[in-house]
C-alpha atoms as a PDB file:
ATOM      1  CA  UNK A   1      10.533  28.821  10.668  1.00  0.00           C
ATOM      2  CA  UNK A   2       6.808  27.958  10.883  1.00  0.00           C
ATOM      3  CA  UNK A   3       7.084  25.951   7.662  1.00  0.00           C
ATOM      4  CA  UNK A   4       9.697  23.708   9.226  1.00  0.00           C
ATOM      5  CA  UNK A   5       7.431  23.023  12.175  1.00  0.00           C
ATOM      6  CA  UNK A   6       4.542  22.117   9.875  1.00  0.00           C
ATOM      7  CA  UNK A   7       6.803  19.744   7.945  1.00  0.00           C
ATOM      8  CA  UNK A   8       7.939  18.117  11.179  1.00  0.00           C
ATOM      9  CA  UNK A   9       4.339  17.690  12.287  1.00  0.00           C
ATOM     10  CA  UNK A  10       3.371  16.118   8.971  1.00  0.00           C
ATOM     11  CA  UNK A  11       6.221  13.643   9.081  1.00  0.00           C
ATOM     12  CA  UNK A  12       4.964  12.302  12.422  1.00  0.00           C
ATOM     13  CA  UNK A  13       1.360  11.891  11.255  1.00  0.00           C
ATOM     14  CA  UNK A  14       0.192   8.941   9.236  1.00  0.00           C
ATOM     15  CA  UNK A  15      -1.080   9.075   5.682  1.00  0.00           C
ATOM     16  CA  UNK A  16      -4.391   7.240   5.231  1.00  0.00           C
ATOM     17  CA  UNK A  17      -4.474   5.145   2.061  1.00  0.00           C
ATOM     18  CA  UNK A  18      -6.845   2.718   0.358  1.00  0.00           C
ATOM     19  CA  UNK A  19      -5.460  -0.524  -1.068  1.00  0.00           C
ATOM     20  CA  UNK A  20      -7.839  -1.778  -3.787  1.00  0.00           C
ATOM     21  CA  UNK A  21      -7.850  -5.202  -5.437  1.00  0.00           C
ATOM     22  CA  UNK A  22      -8.576  -4.140  -9.019  1.00  0.00           C
ATOM     23  CA  UNK A  23      -9.283  -7.704 -10.196  1.00  0.00           C
ATOM     24  CA  UNK A  24     -12.082 -10.203  -9.779  1.00  0.00           C
ATOM     25  CA  UNK A  25      -9.907 -12.871  -8.088  1.00  0.00           C
ATOM     26  CA  UNK A  26      -9.143 -12.781  -4.364  1.00  0.00           C
ATOM     27  CA  UNK A  27      -5.504 -12.121  -3.463  1.00  0.00           C
ATOM     28  CA  UNK A  28      -3.221 -12.118  -0.456  1.00  0.00           C
ATOM     29  CA  UNK A  29      -1.496  -8.757  -0.272  1.00  0.00           C
ATOM     30  CA  UNK A  30       1.565  -7.519   1.608  1.00  0.00           C
ATOM     31  CA  UNK A  31       2.246  -3.781   1.834  1.00  0.00           C
ATOM     32  CA  UNK A  32       5.497  -2.272   3.143  1.00  0.00           C
ATOM     33  CA  UNK A  33       6.206   1.282   4.216  1.00  0.00           C
ATOM     34  CA  UNK A  34       9.284   2.475   2.344  1.00  0.00           C
ATOM     35  CA  UNK A  35       9.764   5.428   4.708  1.00  0.00           C
ATOM     36  CA  UNK A  36      10.281   3.137   7.708  1.00  0.00           C
ATOM     37  CA  UNK A  37      11.204  -0.091   5.851  1.00  0.00           C
ATOM     38  CA  UNK A  38       8.558  -2.010   7.799  1.00  0.00           C
ATOM     39  CA  UNK A  39       5.510  -4.042   6.756  1.00  0.00           C
ATOM     40  CA  UNK A  40       2.118  -2.392   7.187  1.00  0.00           C
ATOM     41  CA  UNK A  41       0.132  -5.538   6.401  1.00  0.00           C
ATOM     42  CA  UNK A  42       1.369  -9.039   5.670  1.00  0.00           C
ATOM     43  CA  UNK A  43      -0.460 -11.706   3.678  1.00  0.00           C
ATOM     44  CA  UNK A  44      -3.862 -10.060   4.195  1.00  0.00           C
ATOM     45  CA  UNK A  45      -6.693 -11.515   2.115  1.00  0.00           C
ATOM     46  CA  UNK A  46      -8.360  -8.960  -0.134  1.00  0.00           C
ATOM     47  CA  UNK A  47     -11.435 -10.043  -2.085  1.00  0.00           C
ATOM     48  CA  UNK A  48     -11.947  -9.058  -5.714  1.00  0.00           C
ATOM     49  CA  UNK A  49     -12.764  -5.363  -6.167  1.00  0.00           C
ATOM     50  CA  UNK A  50     -12.611  -4.841  -2.397  1.00  0.00           C
ATOM     51  CA  UNK A  51     -10.544  -2.226  -0.570  1.00  0.00           C
ATOM     52  CA  UNK A  52      -8.536  -2.124   2.622  1.00  0.00           C
ATOM     53  CA  UNK A  53      -7.739   1.067   4.549  1.00  0.00           C
ATOM     54  CA  UNK A  54      -4.156   1.366   5.819  1.00  0.00           C
ATOM     55  CA  UNK A  55      -1.971   4.058   7.323  1.00  0.00           C
ATOM     56  CA  UNK A  56       1.609   4.677   6.194  1.00  0.00           C
ATOM     57  CA  UNK A  57       4.199   7.031   7.624  1.00  0.00           C
ATOM     58  CA  UNK A  58       4.887  10.383   6.022  1.00  0.00           C
ATOM     59  CA  UNK A  59       8.300  11.374   4.703  1.00  0.00           C
ATOM     60  CA  UNK A  60       9.886  14.800   5.205  1.00  0.00           C
ATOM     61  CA  UNK A  61       7.563  16.184   2.503  1.00  0.00           C
ATOM     62  CA  UNK A  62       4.461  14.736   4.166  1.00  0.00           C
ATOM     63  CA  UNK A  63       4.020  11.960   1.569  1.00  0.00           C
ATOM     64  CA  UNK A  64       3.737   8.186   1.866  1.00  0.00           C
ATOM     65  CA  UNK A  65       5.882   5.739  -0.122  1.00  0.00           C
ATOM     66  CA  UNK A  66       4.892   2.068  -0.260  1.00  0.00           C
ATOM     67  CA  UNK A  67       5.614  -1.182  -2.074  1.00  0.00           C
ATOM     68  CA  UNK A  68       3.183  -4.066  -2.439  1.00  0.00           C
ATOM     69  CA  UNK A  69       3.120  -7.728  -3.420  1.00  0.00           C
ATOM     70  CA  UNK A  70       0.057  -9.802  -4.236  1.00  0.00           C
ATOM     71  CA  UNK A  71      -0.460 -13.505  -4.798  1.00  0.00           C
ATOM     72  CA  UNK A  72      -3.676 -15.173  -5.884  1.00  0.00           C
ATOM     73  CA  UNK A  73      -5.616 -17.117  -3.268  1.00  0.00           C
ATOM     74  CA  UNK A  74      -6.323 -19.917  -5.763  1.00  0.00           C
ATOM     75  CA  UNK A  75      -3.203 -22.091  -5.555  1.00  0.00           C
ATOM     76  CA  UNK A  76      -4.273 -24.180  -8.602  1.00  0.00           C
ATOM     77  CA  UNK A  77      -3.682 -21.183 -10.897  1.00  0.00           C
ATOM     78  CA  UNK A  78      -1.056 -19.166  -9.035  1.00  0.00           C
ATOM     79  CA  UNK A  79      -0.570 -15.589 -10.180  1.00  0.00           C
ATOM     80  CA  UNK A  80       1.517 -12.820  -8.648  1.00  0.00           C
ATOM     81  CA  UNK A  81       1.939  -9.076  -8.866  1.00  0.00           C
ATOM     82  CA  UNK A  82       4.029  -6.339  -7.299  1.00  0.00           C
ATOM     83  CA  UNK A  83       4.546  -2.631  -7.474  1.00  0.00           C
ATOM     84  CA  UNK A  84       5.208   0.553  -5.623  1.00  0.00           C
ATOM     85  CA  UNK A  85       3.772   4.018  -5.235  1.00  0.00           C
ATOM     86  CA  UNK A  86       5.533   7.185  -4.121  1.00  0.00           C
ATOM     87  CA  UNK A  87       4.496  10.705  -3.141  1.00  0.00           C
ATOM     88  CA  UNK A  88       1.084   9.522  -1.935  1.00  0.00           C
ATOM     89  CA  UNK A  89      -1.157  12.065  -0.281  1.00  0.00           C
ATOM     90  CA  UNK A  90      -3.858  11.433   2.316  1.00  0.00           C
ATOM     91  CA  UNK A  91      -6.808   9.361   0.968  1.00  0.00           C
ATOM     92  CA  UNK A  92      -4.855   8.120  -2.074  1.00  0.00           C
ATOM     93  CA  UNK A  93      -5.888   4.838  -3.701  1.00  0.00           C
ATOM     94  CA  UNK A  94      -3.356   2.170  -4.688  1.00  0.00           C
ATOM     95  CA  UNK A  95      -4.524  -0.613  -7.012  1.00  0.00           C
ATOM     96  CA  UNK A  96      -3.052  -4.083  -6.516  1.00  0.00           C
ATOM     97  CA  UNK A  97      -3.464  -7.200  -8.621  1.00  0.00           C
ATOM     98  CA  UNK A  98      -2.022 -10.636  -9.274  1.00  0.00           C
ATOM     99  CA  UNK A  99      -2.066 -11.088 -13.043  1.00  0.00           C
ATOM    100  CA  UNK A 100       1.447 -12.287 -13.872  1.00  0.00           C
ATOM    101  CA  UNK A 101       3.189 -15.639 -13.599  1.00  0.00           C
ATOM    102  CA  UNK A 102       4.956 -16.230 -10.310  1.00  0.00           C
END
């Protein structure tokens, strides 16, 4: 029974993550929490090689699950990117980038 209580406690706590722009170009990034189906950040500017701390909800296993979308700040050469990460533990790093055609 104690294990169930620990799992319940974990699912209520947030998982601290680091979103990192792994490119030189600045991007606008949107991150959604797949456990709650809600946005965590929307259209937040993230400079090249910079990071942004966020908190996502934990699932029943105590892990975060997110999706992300990025679009380059420079509208003259628009690039996009997207992805997702699952089973993230506390202090995990998620790299984002906009290196594909939109």
